[in-house]
């Protein structure tokens, strides 16, 4: 992969990360080192592992980093749900973020599956 910025999944993960940074600014200050920090780190981990995978040599290595990215996106889904349940996000804020995270997860799964199907 010559330019990770051409990947739709990277663009979506980057956009979700930017939105998570924006919305976590509204979280209570006592969550600064708790849920706010964890949510931001999980989002950054996802987008960063997509990029790191594109720099690897073999499809297996690439798939490994995509798998880590998918795990981080699933972590984001859980943390967004916790934020909603704690009242830090309204349902109308949570729903599109959750839908975007789920879509990114599906896209990563599809990309991982396609890498596994490549002839060796």
N, C-alpha and C. Protein backbone atom coordinates (compact mmCIF):
# COMPACT_ATOMS: atom_id res chain seq x y z
N UNK A 1 0.87 -1.18 0.00
CA UNK A 1 0.00 0.00 0.00
C UNK A 1 0.90 1.22 0.00
N UNK A 2 0.76 2.03 -1.02
CA UNK A 2 1.65 3.18 -1.15
C UNK A 2 1.21 4.36 -0.27
N UNK A 3 -0.08 4.61 -0.16
CA UNK A 3 -0.54 5.75 0.63
C UNK A 3 -1.78 5.36 1.43
N UNK A 4 -1.60 5.21 2.73
CA UNK A 4 -2.70 4.81 3.61
C UNK A 4 -3.87 5.79 3.54
N UNK A 5 -3.59 7.05 3.18
CA UNK A 5 -4.65 8.06 3.13
C UNK A 5 -5.67 7.79 2.03
N UNK A 6 -5.32 6.87 1.12
CA UNK A 6 -6.25 6.48 0.07
C UNK A 6 -7.25 5.43 0.55
N UNK A 7 -6.99 4.83 1.69
CA UNK A 7 -7.88 3.80 2.22
C UNK A 7 -9.13 4.44 2.84
N UNK A 8 -10.27 4.02 2.38
CA UNK A 8 -11.53 4.52 2.94
C UNK A 8 -11.62 4.23 4.43
N UNK A 9 -11.19 3.04 4.83
CA UNK A 9 -11.27 2.68 6.25
C UNK A 9 -10.38 3.58 7.09
N UNK A 10 -9.23 3.98 6.57
CA UNK A 10 -8.38 4.90 7.32
C UNK A 10 -9.07 6.26 7.45
N UNK A 11 -9.64 6.76 6.34
CA UNK A 11 -10.31 8.07 6.39
C UNK A 11 -11.46 8.06 7.40
N UNK A 12 -12.22 6.96 7.42
CA UNK A 12 -13.33 6.87 8.36
C UNK A 12 -12.82 6.80 9.81
N UNK A 13 -11.77 6.01 10.04
CA UNK A 13 -11.21 5.90 11.39
C UNK A 13 -10.61 7.23 11.85
N UNK A 14 -9.97 7.93 10.92
CA UNK A 14 -9.42 9.25 11.25
C UNK A 14 -10.55 10.22 11.60
N UNK A 15 -11.60 10.22 10.81
CA UNK A 15 -12.75 11.09 11.09
C UNK A 15 -13.39 10.78 12.43
N UNK A 16 -13.52 9.48 12.75
CA UNK A 16 -14.09 9.10 14.04
C UNK A 16 -13.19 9.57 15.18
N UNK A 17 -11.89 9.46 15.00
CA UNK A 17 -10.95 9.92 16.03
C UNK A 17 -11.11 11.42 16.27
N UNK A 18 -11.22 12.18 15.20
CA UNK A 18 -11.40 13.64 15.34
C UNK A 18 -12.71 13.94 16.07
N UNK A 19 -13.76 13.21 15.75
CA UNK A 19 -15.05 13.42 16.41
C UNK A 19 -14.98 13.03 17.89
N UNK A 20 -14.28 11.97 18.19
CA UNK A 20 -14.14 11.55 19.59
C UNK A 20 -13.38 12.62 20.39
N UNK A 21 -12.35 13.18 19.82
CA UNK A 21 -11.65 14.28 20.51
C UNK A 21 -12.60 15.45 20.76
N UNK A 22 -13.42 15.76 19.76
CA UNK A 22 -14.36 16.87 19.91
C UNK A 22 -15.37 16.60 21.02
N UNK A 23 -15.98 15.44 21.00
CA UNK A 23 -17.05 15.17 21.98
C UNK A 23 -16.52 14.95 23.38
N UNK A 24 -15.30 14.41 23.52
CA UNK A 24 -14.79 14.17 24.87
C UNK A 24 -14.40 15.46 25.58
N UNK A 25 -14.30 16.56 24.85
CA UNK A 25 -14.05 17.86 25.51
C UNK A 25 -15.21 18.24 26.44
N UNK A 26 -16.39 17.64 26.18
CA UNK A 26 -17.56 17.97 26.99
C UNK A 26 -17.72 17.04 28.19
N UNK A 27 -16.88 16.01 28.31
CA UNK A 27 -16.99 15.08 29.43
C UNK A 27 -16.60 15.80 30.72
N UNK A 28 -17.08 15.33 31.85
CA UNK A 28 -16.71 15.95 33.13
C UNK A 28 -15.19 15.96 33.34
N UNK A 29 -14.71 16.97 34.02
CA UNK A 29 -13.26 17.10 34.21
C UNK A 29 -12.68 15.93 35.00
N UNK A 30 -13.48 15.30 35.86
CA UNK A 30 -12.95 14.16 36.61
C UNK A 30 -12.76 12.91 35.73
N UNK A 31 -13.23 12.96 34.49
CA UNK A 31 -13.01 11.87 33.54
C UNK A 31 -11.81 12.12 32.63
N UNK A 32 -11.13 13.23 32.85
CA UNK A 32 -9.99 13.60 31.99
C UNK A 32 -8.96 12.48 31.88
N UNK A 33 -8.66 11.81 32.98
CA UNK A 33 -7.66 10.73 32.97
C UNK A 33 -8.32 9.36 33.01
N UNK A 34 -9.63 9.33 32.88
CA UNK A 34 -10.37 8.07 32.90
C UNK A 34 -10.92 7.75 31.52
N UNK A 35 -12.22 7.78 31.43
CA UNK A 35 -12.90 7.39 30.20
C UNK A 35 -12.51 8.26 29.01
N UNK A 36 -12.34 9.54 29.22
CA UNK A 36 -11.95 10.45 28.14
C UNK A 36 -10.61 10.02 27.54
N UNK A 37 -9.64 9.81 28.38
CA UNK A 37 -8.32 9.41 27.92
C UNK A 37 -8.35 8.04 27.26
N UNK A 38 -9.06 7.09 27.85
CA UNK A 38 -9.12 5.74 27.31
C UNK A 38 -9.79 5.71 25.94
N UNK A 39 -10.85 6.46 25.79
CA UNK A 39 -11.58 6.54 24.52
C UNK A 39 -10.70 7.14 23.43
N UNK A 40 -10.01 8.19 23.76
CA UNK A 40 -9.10 8.82 22.80
C UNK A 40 -7.97 7.88 22.41
N UNK A 41 -7.38 7.19 23.39
CA UNK A 41 -6.28 6.27 23.09
C UNK A 41 -6.73 5.11 22.22
N UNK A 42 -7.92 4.58 22.47
CA UNK A 42 -8.42 3.47 21.67
C UNK A 42 -8.65 3.91 20.22
N UNK A 43 -9.21 5.11 20.04
CA UNK A 43 -9.44 5.63 18.69
C UNK A 43 -8.11 5.85 17.97
N UNK A 44 -7.15 6.42 18.67
CA UNK A 44 -5.82 6.65 18.07
C UNK A 44 -5.15 5.32 17.75
N UNK A 45 -5.30 4.35 18.61
CA UNK A 45 -4.72 3.03 18.37
C UNK A 45 -5.27 2.42 17.08
N UNK A 46 -6.57 2.54 16.89
CA UNK A 46 -7.18 1.97 15.69
C UNK A 46 -6.62 2.60 14.42
N UNK A 47 -6.65 3.90 14.35
CA UNK A 47 -6.20 4.59 13.14
C UNK A 47 -4.69 4.40 12.94
N UNK A 48 -3.93 4.38 14.01
CA UNK A 48 -2.48 4.21 13.91
C UNK A 48 -2.10 2.80 13.47
N UNK A 49 -2.82 1.79 13.93
CA UNK A 49 -2.51 0.42 13.54
C UNK A 49 -2.86 0.15 12.08
N UNK A 50 -3.87 0.83 11.56
CA UNK A 50 -4.15 0.74 10.13
C UNK A 50 -2.93 1.24 9.36
N UNK A 51 -2.41 2.38 9.78
CA UNK A 51 -1.24 2.96 9.11
C UNK A 51 -0.03 2.06 9.27
N UNK A 52 0.22 1.59 10.48
CA UNK A 52 1.40 0.75 10.69
C UNK A 52 1.34 -0.50 9.83
N UNK A 53 0.17 -1.08 9.70
CA UNK A 53 0.02 -2.27 8.86
C UNK A 53 0.40 -2.02 7.41
N UNK A 54 0.08 -0.83 6.91
CA UNK A 54 0.40 -0.54 5.51
C UNK A 54 1.91 -0.45 5.28
N UNK A 55 2.66 -0.26 6.34
CA UNK A 55 4.11 -0.19 6.21
C UNK A 55 4.80 -1.54 6.34
N UNK A 56 4.04 -2.58 6.57
CA UNK A 56 4.61 -3.92 6.73
C UNK A 56 4.82 -4.59 5.37
N UNK A 57 5.65 -5.61 5.37
CA UNK A 57 6.07 -6.24 4.12
C UNK A 57 5.08 -7.29 3.61
N UNK A 58 4.61 -8.14 4.51
CA UNK A 58 3.77 -9.26 4.05
C UNK A 58 2.30 -9.02 4.36
N UNK A 59 1.42 -9.66 3.60
CA UNK A 59 -0.01 -9.57 3.91
C UNK A 59 -0.34 -10.05 5.32
N UNK A 60 0.39 -11.06 5.81
CA UNK A 60 0.16 -11.55 7.17
C UNK A 60 0.46 -10.50 8.22
N UNK A 61 1.55 -9.79 8.03
CA UNK A 61 1.90 -8.71 8.96
C UNK A 61 0.85 -7.60 8.90
N UNK A 62 0.46 -7.25 7.69
CA UNK A 62 -0.56 -6.22 7.50
C UNK A 62 -1.85 -6.64 8.21
N UNK A 63 -2.26 -7.88 8.00
CA UNK A 63 -3.47 -8.39 8.64
C UNK A 63 -3.40 -8.36 10.15
N UNK A 64 -2.21 -8.64 10.69
CA UNK A 64 -2.03 -8.60 12.15
C UNK A 64 -2.35 -7.21 12.70
N UNK A 65 -1.83 -6.17 12.05
CA UNK A 65 -2.08 -4.81 12.52
C UNK A 65 -3.52 -4.38 12.29
N UNK A 66 -4.13 -4.87 11.22
CA UNK A 66 -5.55 -4.58 11.00
C UNK A 66 -6.39 -5.24 12.09
N UNK A 67 -5.98 -6.41 12.52
CA UNK A 67 -6.68 -7.11 13.60
C UNK A 67 -6.59 -6.32 14.91
N UNK A 68 -5.43 -5.78 15.18
CA UNK A 68 -5.26 -4.93 16.38
C UNK A 68 -6.15 -3.70 16.25
N UNK A 69 -6.19 -3.10 15.07
CA UNK A 69 -7.03 -1.93 14.83
C UNK A 69 -8.49 -2.27 15.07
N UNK A 70 -8.91 -3.44 14.61
CA UNK A 70 -10.31 -3.85 14.81
C UNK A 70 -10.62 -4.03 16.29
N UNK A 71 -9.69 -4.60 17.04
CA UNK A 71 -9.89 -4.73 18.48
C UNK A 71 -10.03 -3.37 19.14
N UNK A 72 -9.24 -2.41 18.69
CA UNK A 72 -9.32 -1.05 19.26
C UNK A 72 -10.65 -0.39 18.91
N UNK A 73 -11.14 -0.62 17.71
CA UNK A 73 -12.44 -0.04 17.33
C UNK A 73 -13.56 -0.66 18.16
N UNK A 74 -13.47 -1.95 18.43
CA UNK A 74 -14.48 -2.58 19.29
C UNK A 74 -14.42 -2.00 20.70
N UNK A 75 -13.21 -1.68 21.16
CA UNK A 75 -13.03 -1.02 22.45
C UNK A 75 -13.72 0.35 22.43
N UNK A 76 -13.57 1.08 21.34
CA UNK A 76 -14.24 2.37 21.19
C UNK A 76 -15.75 2.19 21.31
N UNK A 77 -16.29 1.18 20.65
CA UNK A 77 -17.74 0.92 20.72
C UNK A 77 -18.18 0.76 22.17
N UNK A 78 -17.46 -0.05 22.93
CA UNK A 78 -17.80 -0.30 24.33
C UNK A 78 -17.71 0.98 25.16
N UNK A 79 -16.66 1.75 24.95
CA UNK A 79 -16.46 2.96 25.73
C UNK A 79 -17.50 4.03 25.39
N UNK A 80 -17.91 4.08 24.13
CA UNK A 80 -18.98 5.02 23.76
C UNK A 80 -20.29 4.63 24.45
N UNK A 81 -20.54 3.34 24.53
CA UNK A 81 -21.74 2.86 25.22
C UNK A 81 -21.70 3.22 26.69
N UNK A 82 -20.55 3.05 27.31
CA UNK A 82 -20.39 3.42 28.72
C UNK A 82 -20.61 4.93 28.89
N UNK A 83 -20.04 5.73 27.99
CA UNK A 83 -20.23 7.19 28.06
C UNK A 83 -21.71 7.55 27.94
N UNK A 84 -22.41 6.86 27.06
CA UNK A 84 -23.85 7.12 26.93
C UNK A 84 -24.58 6.74 28.20
N UNK A 85 -24.27 5.56 28.74
CA UNK A 85 -24.96 5.07 29.93
C UNK A 85 -24.66 5.91 31.17
N UNK A 86 -23.50 6.57 31.18
CA UNK A 86 -23.17 7.47 32.29
C UNK A 86 -23.76 8.86 32.10
N UNK A 87 -24.36 9.09 30.95
CA UNK A 87 -24.99 10.38 30.68
C UNK A 87 -24.05 11.42 30.09
N UNK A 88 -22.84 11.00 29.68
CA UNK A 88 -21.90 11.93 29.07
C UNK A 88 -22.23 12.19 27.60
N UNK A 89 -22.95 11.26 26.99
CA UNK A 89 -23.41 11.41 25.61
C UNK A 89 -24.91 11.19 25.58
N UNK A 90 -25.60 12.03 24.84
CA UNK A 90 -27.02 11.82 24.61
C UNK A 90 -27.16 10.74 23.53
N UNK A 91 -28.31 10.08 23.49
CA UNK A 91 -28.55 9.01 22.51
C UNK A 91 -28.32 9.50 21.09
N UNK A 92 -28.71 10.74 20.80
CA UNK A 92 -28.54 11.27 19.44
C UNK A 92 -27.08 11.57 19.11
N UNK A 93 -26.24 11.74 20.12
CA UNK A 93 -24.80 11.89 19.89
C UNK A 93 -24.15 10.51 19.74
N UNK A 94 -24.57 9.59 20.59
CA UNK A 94 -23.98 8.25 20.62
C UNK A 94 -24.29 7.45 19.36
N UNK A 95 -25.51 7.49 18.90
CA UNK A 95 -25.95 6.62 17.81
C UNK A 95 -25.10 6.73 16.54
N UNK A 96 -24.85 7.93 16.00
CA UNK A 96 -24.03 7.99 14.79
C UNK A 96 -22.57 7.58 15.03
N UNK A 97 -22.05 7.86 16.22
CA UNK A 97 -20.68 7.44 16.54
C UNK A 97 -20.59 5.92 16.62
N UNK A 98 -21.57 5.31 17.26
CA UNK A 98 -21.61 3.86 17.36
C UNK A 98 -21.75 3.23 15.97
N UNK A 99 -22.62 3.79 15.15
CA UNK A 99 -22.81 3.26 13.79
C UNK A 99 -21.52 3.36 12.98
N UNK A 100 -20.81 4.46 13.13
CA UNK A 100 -19.55 4.65 12.40
C UNK A 100 -18.50 3.64 12.89
N UNK A 101 -18.41 3.45 14.19
CA UNK A 101 -17.45 2.48 14.74
C UNK A 101 -17.78 1.07 14.24
N UNK A 102 -19.05 0.72 14.20
CA UNK A 102 -19.44 -0.60 13.71
C UNK A 102 -19.11 -0.76 12.23
N UNK A 103 -19.32 0.28 11.46
CA UNK A 103 -18.99 0.21 10.04
C UNK A 103 -17.48 0.04 9.83
N UNK A 104 -16.69 0.76 10.58
CA UNK A 104 -15.23 0.64 10.49
C UNK A 104 -14.82 -0.79 10.86
N UNK A 105 -15.42 -1.35 11.89
CA UNK A 105 -15.12 -2.71 12.30
C UNK A 105 -15.42 -3.70 11.18
N UNK A 106 -16.56 -3.54 10.53
CA UNK A 106 -16.92 -4.42 9.40
C UNK A 106 -15.94 -4.25 8.24
N UNK A 107 -15.55 -3.02 7.96
CA UNK A 107 -14.59 -2.76 6.88
C UNK A 107 -13.25 -3.42 7.18
N UNK A 108 -12.80 -3.31 8.41
CA UNK A 108 -11.53 -3.94 8.79
C UNK A 108 -11.63 -5.46 8.67
N UNK A 109 -12.76 -6.02 9.11
CA UNK A 109 -12.94 -7.47 8.99
C UNK A 109 -12.88 -7.89 7.52
N UNK A 110 -13.53 -7.13 6.64
CA UNK A 110 -13.50 -7.44 5.22
C UNK A 110 -12.09 -7.35 4.64
N UNK A 111 -11.35 -6.35 5.05
CA UNK A 111 -9.98 -6.19 4.57
C UNK A 111 -9.09 -7.34 5.07
N UNK A 112 -9.26 -7.73 6.32
CA UNK A 112 -8.51 -8.85 6.88
C UNK A 112 -8.83 -10.13 6.13
N UNK A 113 -10.10 -10.36 5.87
CA UNK A 113 -10.54 -11.56 5.13
C UNK A 113 -9.94 -11.58 3.73
N UNK A 114 -9.92 -10.42 3.07
CA UNK A 114 -9.36 -10.37 1.70
C UNK A 114 -7.85 -10.64 1.71
N UNK A 115 -7.16 -10.20 2.75
CA UNK A 115 -5.72 -10.47 2.85
C UNK A 115 -5.46 -11.96 3.05
N UNK A 116 -6.32 -12.60 3.86
CA UNK A 116 -6.16 -14.04 4.09
C UNK A 116 -6.43 -14.86 2.84
N UNK A 117 -7.29 -14.33 1.96
CA UNK A 117 -7.66 -15.06 0.75
C UNK A 117 -6.62 -14.94 -0.36
N UNK A 118 -5.68 -14.03 -0.22
CA UNK A 118 -4.65 -13.84 -1.24
C UNK A 118 -3.78 -15.09 -1.34
N UNK A 119 -3.42 -15.44 -2.56
CA UNK A 119 -2.49 -16.58 -2.69
C UNK A 119 -1.13 -16.24 -2.08
N UNK A 120 -0.52 -17.22 -1.50
CA UNK A 120 0.76 -16.98 -0.80
C UNK A 120 1.92 -17.01 -1.73
